């Protein structure tokens, strides 16, 4: 199952920069993960300073 980004997101962009499949884009107030592109690798969670990306 793809990762999701919780409301704790501070829109810093670290997750998007760390995503190897470019599945993360800036959304309205927080970043969002495209579930069809996400490979469930957890790279986004590893680089997020507020632990916003979580397994969905």
N, C-alpha and C. Protein backbone atom coordinates (compact mmCIF):
# COMPACT_ATOMS: atom_id res chain seq x y z
N UNK A 1 0.84 -1.17 0.00
CA UNK A 1 0.00 0.00 0.00
C UNK A 1 0.89 1.25 0.00
N UNK A 2 0.51 2.24 -0.73
CA UNK A 2 1.28 3.47 -0.87
C UNK A 2 1.31 4.28 0.41
N UNK A 3 2.36 5.07 0.55
CA UNK A 3 2.46 6.00 1.68
C UNK A 3 1.48 7.15 1.47
N UNK A 4 1.10 7.79 2.57
CA UNK A 4 0.28 9.00 2.53
C UNK A 4 1.00 10.05 3.36
N UNK A 5 0.67 11.31 3.16
CA UNK A 5 1.26 12.39 3.94
C UNK A 5 0.18 12.97 4.84
N UNK A 6 0.47 12.97 6.13
CA UNK A 6 -0.50 13.44 7.12
C UNK A 6 -0.53 14.96 7.20
N UNK A 7 -1.44 15.46 8.00
CA UNK A 7 -1.59 16.90 8.17
C UNK A 7 -0.42 17.55 8.90
N UNK A 8 0.49 16.76 9.44
CA UNK A 8 1.69 17.30 10.09
C UNK A 8 2.66 17.91 9.08
N UNK A 9 2.43 17.70 7.80
CA UNK A 9 3.30 18.21 6.73
C UNK A 9 3.50 19.72 6.87
N UNK A 10 4.77 20.14 6.79
CA UNK A 10 5.10 21.57 6.86
C UNK A 10 5.50 22.13 5.49
N UNK A 11 5.27 21.36 4.45
CA UNK A 11 5.53 21.77 3.06
C UNK A 11 6.97 22.18 2.81
N UNK A 12 7.92 21.45 3.40
CA UNK A 12 9.33 21.79 3.22
C UNK A 12 9.90 21.23 1.91
N UNK A 13 9.27 20.18 1.36
CA UNK A 13 9.71 19.61 0.10
C UNK A 13 10.76 18.52 0.23
N UNK A 14 11.20 18.22 1.43
CA UNK A 14 12.23 17.18 1.61
C UNK A 14 11.78 15.83 1.07
N UNK A 15 10.52 15.50 1.27
CA UNK A 15 10.00 14.22 0.81
C UNK A 15 10.03 14.13 -0.72
N UNK A 16 9.63 15.20 -1.38
CA UNK A 16 9.62 15.21 -2.84
C UNK A 16 11.03 15.07 -3.40
N UNK A 17 11.98 15.74 -2.77
CA UNK A 17 13.37 15.64 -3.20
C UNK A 17 13.93 14.24 -2.97
N UNK A 18 13.45 13.56 -1.93
CA UNK A 18 13.96 12.24 -1.59
C UNK A 18 13.26 11.09 -2.28
N UNK A 19 12.18 11.36 -2.98
CA UNK A 19 11.41 10.29 -3.62
C UNK A 19 12.08 9.82 -4.92
N UNK A 20 12.46 8.53 -4.99
CA UNK A 20 13.13 8.03 -6.19
C UNK A 20 12.23 7.88 -7.42
N UNK A 21 10.91 7.91 -7.23
CA UNK A 21 10.00 7.75 -8.36
C UNK A 21 9.24 9.02 -8.70
N UNK A 22 9.57 10.12 -8.04
CA UNK A 22 8.90 11.42 -8.26
C UNK A 22 7.39 11.31 -8.07
N UNK A 23 6.98 10.54 -7.06
CA UNK A 23 5.56 10.33 -6.79
C UNK A 23 4.96 11.43 -5.93
N UNK A 24 5.80 12.35 -5.43
CA UNK A 24 5.32 13.36 -4.49
C UNK A 24 5.33 14.74 -5.13
N UNK A 25 4.20 15.42 -5.00
CA UNK A 25 4.07 16.77 -5.55
C UNK A 25 3.46 17.69 -4.51
N UNK A 26 3.64 18.99 -4.72
CA UNK A 26 3.08 19.97 -3.80
C UNK A 26 1.59 20.07 -4.01
N UNK A 27 0.85 19.93 -2.93
CA UNK A 27 -0.60 20.04 -2.99
C UNK A 27 -1.06 21.31 -2.32
N UNK A 28 -2.32 21.36 -1.98
CA UNK A 28 -2.92 22.53 -1.33
C UNK A 28 -2.68 22.45 0.17
N UNK A 29 -1.64 23.10 0.65
CA UNK A 29 -1.32 23.13 2.07
C UNK A 29 -0.40 22.04 2.55
N UNK A 30 -0.21 21.00 1.76
CA UNK A 30 0.73 19.92 2.09
C UNK A 30 1.08 19.16 0.83
N UNK A 31 2.12 18.38 0.90
CA UNK A 31 2.52 17.56 -0.24
C UNK A 31 1.63 16.32 -0.32
N UNK A 32 1.50 15.77 -1.52
CA UNK A 32 0.67 14.58 -1.73
C UNK A 32 1.46 13.53 -2.49
N UNK A 33 1.11 12.28 -2.25
CA UNK A 33 1.78 11.15 -2.89
C UNK A 33 0.81 10.49 -3.86
N UNK A 34 1.25 10.30 -5.10
CA UNK A 34 0.46 9.60 -6.11
C UNK A 34 0.55 8.10 -5.80
N UNK A 35 -0.55 7.47 -5.40
CA UNK A 35 -0.50 6.06 -5.02
C UNK A 35 -0.15 5.12 -6.18
N UNK A 36 -0.38 5.56 -7.40
CA UNK A 36 -0.06 4.72 -8.55
C UNK A 36 1.44 4.74 -8.88
N UNK A 37 2.14 5.76 -8.41
CA UNK A 37 3.57 5.90 -8.68
C UNK A 37 4.42 5.46 -7.49
N UNK A 38 3.87 5.57 -6.29
CA UNK A 38 4.59 5.21 -5.06
C UNK A 38 4.93 3.72 -5.06
N UNK A 39 6.20 3.41 -4.74
CA UNK A 39 6.64 2.01 -4.68
C UNK A 39 6.81 1.53 -3.24
N UNK A 40 6.30 2.31 -2.28
CA UNK A 40 6.28 1.92 -0.88
C UNK A 40 7.69 1.68 -0.32
N UNK A 41 8.64 2.53 -0.73
CA UNK A 41 10.03 2.33 -0.31
C UNK A 41 10.35 3.00 1.03
N UNK A 42 9.60 4.03 1.40
CA UNK A 42 9.83 4.70 2.67
C UNK A 42 10.89 5.79 2.65
N UNK A 43 11.43 6.10 1.48
CA UNK A 43 12.46 7.14 1.40
C UNK A 43 11.91 8.49 1.87
N UNK A 44 10.66 8.76 1.59
CA UNK A 44 10.05 10.03 2.01
C UNK A 44 10.01 10.12 3.54
N UNK A 45 9.65 9.04 4.19
CA UNK A 45 9.57 9.02 5.65
C UNK A 45 10.95 9.18 6.27
N UNK A 46 11.96 8.66 5.62
CA UNK A 46 13.33 8.75 6.14
C UNK A 46 13.86 10.17 6.16
N UNK A 47 13.42 11.02 5.23
CA UNK A 47 13.96 12.38 5.14
C UNK A 47 13.06 13.46 5.73
N UNK A 48 11.83 13.13 6.06
CA UNK A 48 10.88 14.13 6.57
C UNK A 48 11.24 14.54 8.00
N UNK A 49 11.38 15.85 8.25
CA UNK A 49 11.73 16.29 9.60
C UNK A 49 10.59 16.22 10.61
N UNK A 50 9.36 16.02 10.16
CA UNK A 50 8.22 15.95 11.09
C UNK A 50 7.46 14.63 11.00
N UNK A 51 8.02 13.66 10.33
CA UNK A 51 7.41 12.32 10.20
C UNK A 51 6.00 12.34 9.63
N UNK A 52 5.78 13.19 8.63
CA UNK A 52 4.45 13.29 8.01
C UNK A 52 4.12 12.10 7.09
N UNK A 53 5.06 11.60 6.29
CA UNK A 53 4.71 10.44 5.45
C UNK A 53 4.56 9.18 6.30
N UNK A 54 3.47 8.47 6.05
CA UNK A 54 3.17 7.25 6.80
C UNK A 54 2.63 6.20 5.84
N UNK A 55 2.81 4.95 6.24
CA UNK A 55 2.24 3.88 5.43
C UNK A 55 0.72 4.02 5.44
N UNK A 56 0.13 3.96 4.25
CA UNK A 56 -1.31 4.15 4.13
C UNK A 56 -2.04 2.93 4.21
